[in-house]
Amino acid sequence: MKNKELDNAIIIANGDMPRRSNITMLRKLGFTTLVCADGGLKVAAQLDLLPNVIIGDFDSSAPELREQYSGKSTLLHDKDQNTTDIEKALDYLLGERCKSVVLMAAIGSRLDHSLGNISILLKYADRLRLFLVHGSSLLTHITGEVIFSSQPGEIISLYGFDQKTRFTTMGLKYPLKKEPVPFGIRESTSNVAEAERVSVKVTGGIGIIVRDLKTALKNNFLLCFG
């Protein structure tokens, strides 16, 4: 997979089992490269998926399982203990000039791991477009303005992280006009789309949006960011 520019990819981590149907839909949208972050190989094996790349420090995937994929997938052993396996996967994809990544199976029984994986979106926000998919929800970051197709009744939640980050929206039941919605103080959880076109503008920082996955995929939301 060297010397070929990648536009979109999926990373499978070692959390709750994702829906195979969601992966199928993502692949139809062009997210065809599949990378397993170490223990994510167990998840891919249960879903009968063949990853292009398996990367990590290899402390959470069994040697015999990796052996089954030898010769079929590229195995990259990275012993660095200062980065997580997901970060190793993201750094690899950045090296391949990947532009957009969907992270799956990143939420699980360990709350610290789950929060850390959500924080990765902010850590890499200036380098690539990163989406996190879990269950029926899709999460990503917003800087500037994004206008996207929705449907009346869709639940859309917005979060900021300080008072300097301001949100302005159009097409939502509870509009925001240059207002902060800092996490832990005042969030915009469970806002509701009232129009088929929604605008969210973020200034002064990075915002987080959580949408209904099915509606987002149906309306090509993942391709709205260029």
C-alpha atoms as a PDB file:
ATOM      1  CA  MET A   1       0.000   0.000   0.000  1.00  0.00           C
ATOM      2  CA  LYS A   2       2.960   2.314  -0.461  1.00  0.00           C
ATOM      3  CA  ASN A   3       3.103   5.266  -2.847  1.00  0.00           C
ATOM      4  CA  LYS A   4      -0.658   5.274  -3.415  1.00  0.00           C
ATOM      5  CA  GLU A   5      -2.649   8.180  -2.078  1.00  0.00           C
ATOM      6  CA  LEU A   6      -5.666   7.136  -0.016  1.00  0.00           C
ATOM      7  CA  ASP A   7      -8.750   9.304   0.266  1.00  0.00           C
ATOM      8  CA  ASN A   8     -10.810   7.384   2.830  1.00  0.00           C
ATOM      9  CA  ALA A   9     -10.280   4.520   5.276  1.00  0.00           C
ATOM     10  CA  ILE A  10     -11.888   2.629   8.164  1.00  0.00           C
ATOM     11  CA  ILE A  11     -10.068   1.784  11.390  1.00  0.00           C
ATOM     12  CA  ILE A  12     -11.453  -1.043  13.517  1.00  0.00           C
ATOM     13  CA  ALA A  13     -10.473  -0.897  17.186  1.00  0.00           C
ATOM     14  CA  ASN A  14     -11.009  -3.390  20.015  1.00  0.00           C
ATOM     15  CA  GLY A  15     -14.313  -2.189  21.458  1.00  0.00           C
ATOM     16  CA  ASP A  16     -17.952  -3.127  21.023  1.00  0.00           C
ATOM     17  CA  MET A  17     -18.782  -5.069  17.872  1.00  0.00           C
ATOM     18  CA  PRO A  18     -19.828  -2.751  15.022  1.00  0.00           C
ATOM     19  CA  ARG A  19     -22.574  -3.596  12.581  1.00  0.00           C
ATOM     20  CA  ARG A  20     -21.288  -5.193   9.421  1.00  0.00           C
ATOM     21  CA  SER A  21     -24.053  -3.443   7.474  1.00  0.00           C
ATOM     22  CA  ASN A  22     -22.568  -0.074   8.495  1.00  0.00           C
ATOM     23  CA  ILE A  23     -19.166  -1.108   7.177  1.00  0.00           C
ATOM     24  CA  THR A  24     -20.800  -2.185   3.918  1.00  0.00           C
ATOM     25  CA  MET A  25     -22.487   1.212   3.556  1.00  0.00           C
ATOM     26  CA  LEU A  26     -19.230   3.025   4.301  1.00  0.00           C
ATOM     27  CA  ARG A  27     -17.403   1.031   1.669  1.00  0.00           C
ATOM     28  CA  LYS A  28     -20.032   2.019  -0.884  1.00  0.00           C
ATOM     29  CA  LEU A  29     -19.211   5.642  -0.025  1.00  0.00           C
ATOM     30  CA  GLY A  30     -15.545   5.047  -0.823  1.00  0.00           C
ATOM     31  CA  PHE A  31     -14.136   4.053   2.557  1.00  0.00           C
ATOM     32  CA  THR A  32     -12.568   0.954   1.090  1.00  0.00           C
ATOM     33  CA  THR A  33      -9.254   0.667   2.954  1.00  0.00           C
ATOM     34  CA  LEU A  34      -9.612  -1.324   6.187  1.00  0.00           C
ATOM     35  CA  VAL A  35      -7.043  -1.034   9.001  1.00  0.00           C
ATOM     36  CA  CYS A  36      -7.163  -3.033  12.233  1.00  0.00           C
ATOM     37  CA  ALA A  37      -5.635  -1.438  15.323  1.00  0.00           C
ATOM     38  CA  ASP A  38      -4.110  -4.543  16.986  1.00  0.00           C
ATOM     39  CA  GLY A  39      -7.021  -6.074  18.979  1.00  0.00           C
ATOM     40  CA  GLY A  40      -9.360  -4.832  16.277  1.00  0.00           C
ATOM     41  CA  LEU A  41      -8.237  -7.881  14.345  1.00  0.00           C
ATOM     42  CA  LYS A  42     -10.424 -10.014  16.637  1.00  0.00           C
ATOM     43  CA  VAL A  43     -13.388  -7.848  15.732  1.00  0.00           C
ATOM     44  CA  ALA A  44     -12.634  -8.044  12.001  1.00  0.00           C
ATOM     45  CA  ALA A  45     -12.253 -11.830  12.210  1.00  0.00           C
ATOM     46  CA  GLN A  46     -15.661 -12.196  13.849  1.00  0.00           C
ATOM     47  CA  LEU A  47     -17.159 -10.070  11.076  1.00  0.00           C
ATOM     48  CA  ASP A  48     -15.322 -12.134   8.430  1.00  0.00           C
ATOM     49  CA  LEU A  49     -13.496  -9.062   7.127  1.00  0.00           C
ATOM     50  CA  LEU A  50     -10.061  -9.041   5.514  1.00  0.00           C
ATOM     51  CA  PRO A  51      -8.071  -5.963   6.601  1.00  0.00           C
ATOM     52  CA  ASN A  52      -5.552  -4.325   4.344  1.00  0.00           C
ATOM     53  CA  VAL A  53      -3.300  -3.502   7.307  1.00  0.00           C
ATOM     54  CA  ILE A  54      -2.948  -4.741  10.904  1.00  0.00           C
ATOM     55  CA  ILE A  55      -0.912  -2.383  13.082  1.00  0.00           C
ATOM     56  CA  GLY A  56      -0.045  -2.041  16.772  1.00  0.00           C
ATOM     57  CA  ASP A  57       2.252  -3.255  19.515  1.00  0.00           C
ATOM     58  CA  PHE A  58       0.557  -6.666  19.173  1.00  0.00           C
ATOM     59  CA  ASP A  59      -0.214  -7.100  22.876  1.00  0.00           C
ATOM     60  CA  SER A  60      -3.965  -7.526  22.376  1.00  0.00           C
ATOM     61  CA  SER A  61      -4.201  -9.800  19.328  1.00  0.00           C
ATOM     62  CA  ALA A  62      -3.223 -13.450  19.507  1.00  0.00           C
ATOM     63  CA  PRO A  63      -0.123 -14.536  17.514  1.00  0.00           C
ATOM     64  CA  GLU A  64      -2.032 -17.451  16.002  1.00  0.00           C
ATOM     65  CA  LEU A  65      -4.748 -15.096  14.772  1.00  0.00           C
ATOM     66  CA  ARG A  66      -2.191 -12.765  13.192  1.00  0.00           C
ATOM     67  CA  GLU A  67      -0.582 -15.792  11.565  1.00  0.00           C
ATOM     68  CA  GLN A  68      -3.876 -16.548   9.814  1.00  0.00           C
ATOM     69  CA  TYR A  69      -3.649 -13.177   8.086  1.00  0.00           C
ATOM     70  CA  SER A  70       0.051 -13.377   7.228  1.00  0.00           C
ATOM     71  CA  GLY A  71       0.417 -13.055   3.474  1.00  0.00           C
ATOM     72  CA  LYS A  72      -3.112 -11.686   3.136  1.00  0.00           C
ATOM     73  CA  SER A  73      -2.774  -8.455   5.122  1.00  0.00           C
ATOM     74  CA  THR A  74       0.177  -6.162   5.789  1.00  0.00           C
ATOM     75  CA  LEU A  75       1.318  -6.597   9.423  1.00  0.00           C
ATOM     76  CA  LEU A  76       3.116  -3.608  10.972  1.00  0.00           C
ATOM     77  CA  HIS A  77       4.590  -4.152  14.441  1.00  0.00           C
ATOM     78  CA  ASP A  78       5.093  -0.830  16.248  1.00  0.00           C
ATOM     79  CA  LYS A  79       6.503  -1.183  19.779  1.00  0.00           C
ATOM     80  CA  ASP A  80       6.101   2.489  20.715  1.00  0.00           C
ATOM     81  CA  GLN A  81       4.389   2.693  24.124  1.00  0.00           C
ATOM     82  CA  ASN A  82       3.804   6.444  23.935  1.00  0.00           C
ATOM     83  CA  THR A  83       1.016   6.091  21.388  1.00  0.00           C
ATOM     84  CA  THR A  84      -2.126   3.981  21.366  1.00  0.00           C
ATOM     85  CA  ASP A  85      -2.806   1.416  18.673  1.00  0.00           C
ATOM     86  CA  ILE A  86      -5.419   3.731  17.163  1.00  0.00           C
ATOM     87  CA  GLU A  87      -2.879   6.546  17.005  1.00  0.00           C
ATOM     88  CA  LYS A  88      -0.436   4.169  15.323  1.00  0.00           C
ATOM     89  CA  ALA A  89      -3.119   3.371  12.740  1.00  0.00           C
ATOM     90  CA  LEU A  90      -3.880   7.061  12.195  1.00  0.00           C
ATOM     91  CA  ASP A  91      -0.210   7.960  11.855  1.00  0.00           C
ATOM     92  CA  TYR A  92       0.182   5.197   9.293  1.00  0.00           C
ATOM     93  CA  LEU A  93      -2.778   6.513   7.292  1.00  0.00           C
ATOM     94  CA  LEU A  94      -1.425  10.056   7.486  1.00  0.00           C
ATOM     95  CA  GLY A  95       1.782   8.729   5.988  1.00  0.00           C
ATOM     96  CA  GLU A  96      -0.317   7.299   3.172  1.00  0.00           C
ATOM     97  CA  ARG A  97      -1.856  10.775   2.696  1.00  0.00           C
ATOM     98  CA  CYS A  98      -5.279   9.600   3.755  1.00  0.00           C
ATOM     99  CA  LYS A  99      -7.796  12.433   4.076  1.00  0.00           C
ATOM    100  CA  SER A 100     -10.804  10.955   5.881  1.00  0.00           C
ATOM    101  CA  VAL A 101     -11.098   8.126   8.436  1.00  0.00           C
ATOM    102  CA  VAL A 102     -14.023   6.388  10.137  1.00  0.00           C
ATOM    103  CA  LEU A 103     -13.186   4.909  13.530  1.00  0.00           C
ATOM    104  CA  MET A 104     -15.294   1.891  14.552  1.00  0.00           C
ATOM    105  CA  ALA A 105     -15.365  -0.344  17.644  1.00  0.00           C
ATOM    106  CA  ALA A 106     -13.733   2.479  19.603  1.00  0.00           C
ATOM    107  CA  ILE A 107     -16.313   2.489  22.419  1.00  0.00           C
ATOM    108  CA  GLY A 108     -16.357  -0.388  24.886  1.00  0.00           C
ATOM    109  CA  SER A 109     -16.479  -1.413  28.525  1.00  0.00           C
ATOM    110  CA  ARG A 110     -13.467   0.718  29.540  1.00  0.00           C
ATOM    111  CA  LEU A 111     -14.677   4.295  30.020  1.00  0.00           C
ATOM    112  CA  ASP A 112     -11.116   5.648  30.071  1.00  0.00           C
ATOM    113  CA  HIS A 113     -10.373   4.026  26.722  1.00  0.00           C
ATOM    114  CA  SER A 114     -13.674   5.281  25.298  1.00  0.00           C
ATOM    115  CA  LEU A 115     -13.049   8.873  26.410  1.00  0.00           C
ATOM    116  CA  GLY A 116      -9.485   8.692  25.140  1.00  0.00           C
ATOM    117  CA  ASN A 117     -10.681   7.519  21.738  1.00  0.00           C
ATOM    118  CA  ILE A 118     -13.176  10.385  21.525  1.00  0.00           C
ATOM    119  CA  SER A 119     -10.390  12.821  22.440  1.00  0.00           C
ATOM    120  CA  ILE A 120      -8.360  11.522  19.489  1.00  0.00           C
ATOM    121  CA  LEU A 121     -10.764  13.379  17.195  1.00  0.00           C
ATOM    122  CA  LEU A 122      -9.576  16.644  18.704  1.00  0.00           C
ATOM    123  CA  LYS A 123      -5.924  15.597  18.720  1.00  0.00           C
ATOM    124  CA  TYR A 124      -5.966  14.884  14.972  1.00  0.00           C
ATOM    125  CA  ALA A 125      -8.515  17.537  13.947  1.00  0.00           C
ATOM    126  CA  ASP A 126      -5.948  19.713  12.166  1.00  0.00           C
ATOM    127  CA  ARG A 127      -4.521  16.800  10.174  1.00  0.00           C
ATOM    128  CA  LEU A 128      -7.472  14.796   8.849  1.00  0.00           C
ATOM    129  CA  ARG A 129     -11.228  14.388   8.956  1.00  0.00           C
ATOM    130  CA  LEU A 130     -12.044  11.773  11.584  1.00  0.00           C
ATOM    131  CA  PHE A 131     -15.479  10.279  12.259  1.00  0.00           C
ATOM    132  CA  LEU A 132     -16.414   7.981  15.129  1.00  0.00           C
ATOM    133  CA  VAL A 133     -19.262   5.516  14.592  1.00  0.00           C
ATOM    134  CA  HIS A 134     -20.943   3.666  17.434  1.00  0.00           C
ATOM    135  CA  GLY A 135     -24.331   1.977  17.402  1.00  0.00           C
ATOM    136  CA  SER A 136     -26.763   4.276  15.616  1.00  0.00           C
ATOM    137  CA  SER A 137     -24.677   7.444  16.059  1.00  0.00           C
ATOM    138  CA  LEU A 138     -21.934   9.280  14.182  1.00  0.00           C
ATOM    139  CA  LEU A 139     -19.646  11.851  15.819  1.00  0.00           C
ATOM    140  CA  THR A 140     -17.204  14.287  14.238  1.00  0.00           C
ATOM    141  CA  HIS A 141     -15.690  17.722  14.797  1.00  0.00           C
ATOM    142  CA  ILE A 142     -16.625  21.014  13.174  1.00  0.00           C
ATOM    143  CA  THR A 143     -14.580  24.138  12.541  1.00  0.00           C
ATOM    144  CA  GLY A 144     -16.077  26.845  10.397  1.00  0.00           C
ATOM    145  CA  GLU A 145     -19.431  26.173   8.722  1.00  0.00           C
ATOM    146  CA  VAL A 146     -20.920  22.947   7.430  1.00  0.00           C
ATOM    147  CA  ILE A 147     -24.252  22.745   5.602  1.00  0.00           C
ATOM    148  CA  PHE A 148     -25.771  19.300   5.276  1.00  0.00           C
ATOM    149  CA  SER A 149     -28.939  17.456   4.337  1.00  0.00           C
ATOM    150  CA  SER A 150     -31.102  16.105   7.152  1.00  0.00           C
ATOM    151  CA  GLN A 151     -34.733  15.201   7.683  1.00  0.00           C
ATOM    152  CA  PRO A 152     -37.238  16.731  10.084  1.00  0.00           C
ATOM    153  CA  GLY A 153     -37.103  14.940  13.417  1.00  0.00           C
ATOM    154  CA  GLU A 154     -33.455  13.870  13.279  1.00  0.00           C
ATOM    155  CA  ILE A 155     -31.760  14.219  16.676  1.00  0.00           C
ATOM    156  CA  ILE A 156     -28.621  16.358  16.432  1.00  0.00           C
ATOM    157  CA  SER A 157     -26.420  17.170  19.434  1.00  0.00           C
ATOM    158  CA  LEU A 158     -23.717  19.837  19.644  1.00  0.00           C
ATOM    159  CA  TYR A 159     -20.890  20.301  22.155  1.00  0.00           C
ATOM    160  CA  GLY A 160     -18.093  22.792  22.738  1.00  0.00           C
ATOM    161  CA  PHE A 161     -15.289  22.784  25.267  1.00  0.00           C
ATOM    162  CA  ASP A 162     -14.985  26.393  26.423  1.00  0.00           C
ATOM    163  CA  GLN A 163     -16.809  29.708  26.442  1.00  0.00           C
ATOM    164  CA  LYS A 164     -14.814  31.025  23.465  1.00  0.00           C
ATOM    165  CA  THR A 165     -16.214  28.437  21.060  1.00  0.00           C
ATOM    166  CA  ARG A 166     -19.482  29.751  19.626  1.00  0.00           C
ATOM    167  CA  PHE A 167     -22.205  28.003  17.628  1.00  0.00           C
ATOM    168  CA  THR A 168     -24.653  29.453  15.122  1.00  0.00           C
ATOM    169  CA  THR A 169     -27.273  27.153  13.616  1.00  0.00           C
ATOM    170  CA  MET A 170     -30.085  27.185  11.087  1.00  0.00           C
ATOM    171  CA  GLY A 171     -32.724  24.492  10.605  1.00  0.00           C
ATOM    172  CA  LEU A 172     -32.785  23.275  14.223  1.00  0.00           C
ATOM    173  CA  LYS A 173     -35.690  23.471  16.662  1.00  0.00           C
ATOM    174  CA  TYR A 174     -33.545  25.192  19.271  1.00  0.00           C
ATOM    175  CA  PRO A 175     -31.417  27.677  17.293  1.00  0.00           C
ATOM    176  CA  LEU A 176     -28.068  28.948  18.496  1.00  0.00           C
ATOM    177  CA  LYS A 177     -26.793  32.426  17.645  1.00  0.00           C
ATOM    178  CA  LYS A 178     -23.099  32.790  18.400  1.00  0.00           C
ATOM    179  CA  GLU A 179     -23.662  30.921  21.651  1.00  0.00           C
ATOM    180  CA  PRO A 180     -21.268  28.720  23.652  1.00  0.00           C
ATOM    181  CA  VAL A 181     -22.336  25.217  24.638  1.00  0.00           C
ATOM    182  CA  PRO A 182     -19.370  24.100  26.784  1.00  0.00           C
ATOM    183  CA  PHE A 183     -19.334  20.469  27.877  1.00  0.00           C
ATOM    184  CA  GLY A 184     -20.301  20.147  31.538  1.00  0.00           C
ATOM    185  CA  ILE A 185     -21.896  23.600  31.676  1.00  0.00           C
ATOM    186  CA  ARG A 186     -24.456  23.981  28.927  1.00  0.00           C
ATOM    187  CA  GLU A 187     -24.771  21.486  26.094  1.00  0.00           C
ATOM    188  CA  SER A 188     -27.090  21.317  23.109  1.00  0.00           C
ATOM    189  CA  THR A 189     -28.014  17.661  23.562  1.00  0.00           C
ATOM    190  CA  SER A 190     -30.950  16.236  21.585  1.00  0.00           C
ATOM    191  CA  ASN A 191     -31.634  19.244  19.418  1.00  0.00           C
ATOM    192  CA  VAL A 192     -34.009  18.437  16.551  1.00  0.00           C
ATOM    193  CA  ALA A 193     -33.821  19.105  12.828  1.00  0.00           C
ATOM    194  CA  GLU A 194     -36.835  20.981  11.495  1.00  0.00           C
ATOM    195  CA  ALA A 195     -35.665  21.327   7.899  1.00  0.00           C
ATOM    196  CA  GLU A 196     -34.110  19.225   5.173  1.00  0.00           C
ATOM    197  CA  ARG A 197     -31.055  21.506   5.177  1.00  0.00           C
ATOM    198  CA  VAL A 198     -29.167  22.311   8.378  1.00  0.00           C
ATOM    199  CA  SER A 199     -26.309  24.735   8.908  1.00  0.00           C
ATOM    200  CA  VAL A 200     -23.888  24.634  11.830  1.00  0.00           C
ATOM    201  CA  LYS A 201     -21.174  27.289  12.114  1.00  0.00           C
ATOM    202  CA  VAL A 202     -18.456  27.128  14.764  1.00  0.00           C
ATOM    203  CA  THR A 203     -16.092  30.007  15.546  1.00  0.00           C
ATOM    204  CA  GLY A 204     -13.373  30.404  18.156  1.00  0.00           C
ATOM    205  CA  GLY A 205     -12.551  26.721  18.523  1.00  0.00           C
ATOM    206  CA  ILE A 206     -13.573  23.171  17.736  1.00  0.00           C
ATOM    207  CA  GLY A 207     -17.116  21.858  18.103  1.00  0.00           C
ATOM    208  CA  ILE A 208     -18.470  18.321  18.224  1.00  0.00           C
ATOM    209  CA  ILE A 209     -21.598  17.148  16.403  1.00  0.00           C
ATOM    210  CA  VAL A 210     -23.420  13.856  16.962  1.00  0.00           C
ATOM    211  CA  ARG A 211     -25.916  12.754  14.303  1.00  0.00           C
ATOM    212  CA  ASP A 212     -28.093   9.798  13.457  1.00  0.00           C
ATOM    213  CA  LEU A 213     -25.801   7.483  11.493  1.00  0.00           C
ATOM    214  CA  LYS A 214     -28.386   6.167   9.050  1.00  0.00           C
ATOM    215  CA  THR A 215     -29.549   9.658   8.098  1.00  0.00           C
ATOM    216  CA  ALA A 216     -25.972  10.909   7.813  1.00  0.00           C
ATOM    217  CA  LEU A 217     -24.921   8.068   5.522  1.00  0.00           C
ATOM    218  CA  LYS A 218     -28.059   8.355   3.416  1.00  0.00           C
ATOM    219  CA  ASN A 219     -27.309  12.015   2.772  1.00  0.00           C
ATOM    220  CA  ASN A 220     -23.546  11.630   2.202  1.00  0.00           C
ATOM    221  CA  PHE A 221     -22.654  13.677   5.295  1.00  0.00           C
ATOM    222  CA  LEU A 222     -19.180  12.141   5.393  1.00  0.00           C
ATOM    223  CA  LEU A 223     -18.413  13.703   2.025  1.00  0.00           C
ATOM    224  CA  CYS A 224     -19.500  17.244   2.988  1.00  0.00           C
ATOM    225  CA  PHE A 225     -16.133  18.247   4.396  1.00  0.00           C
ATOM    226  CA  GLY A 226     -14.013  18.106   1.248  1.00  0.00           C
END
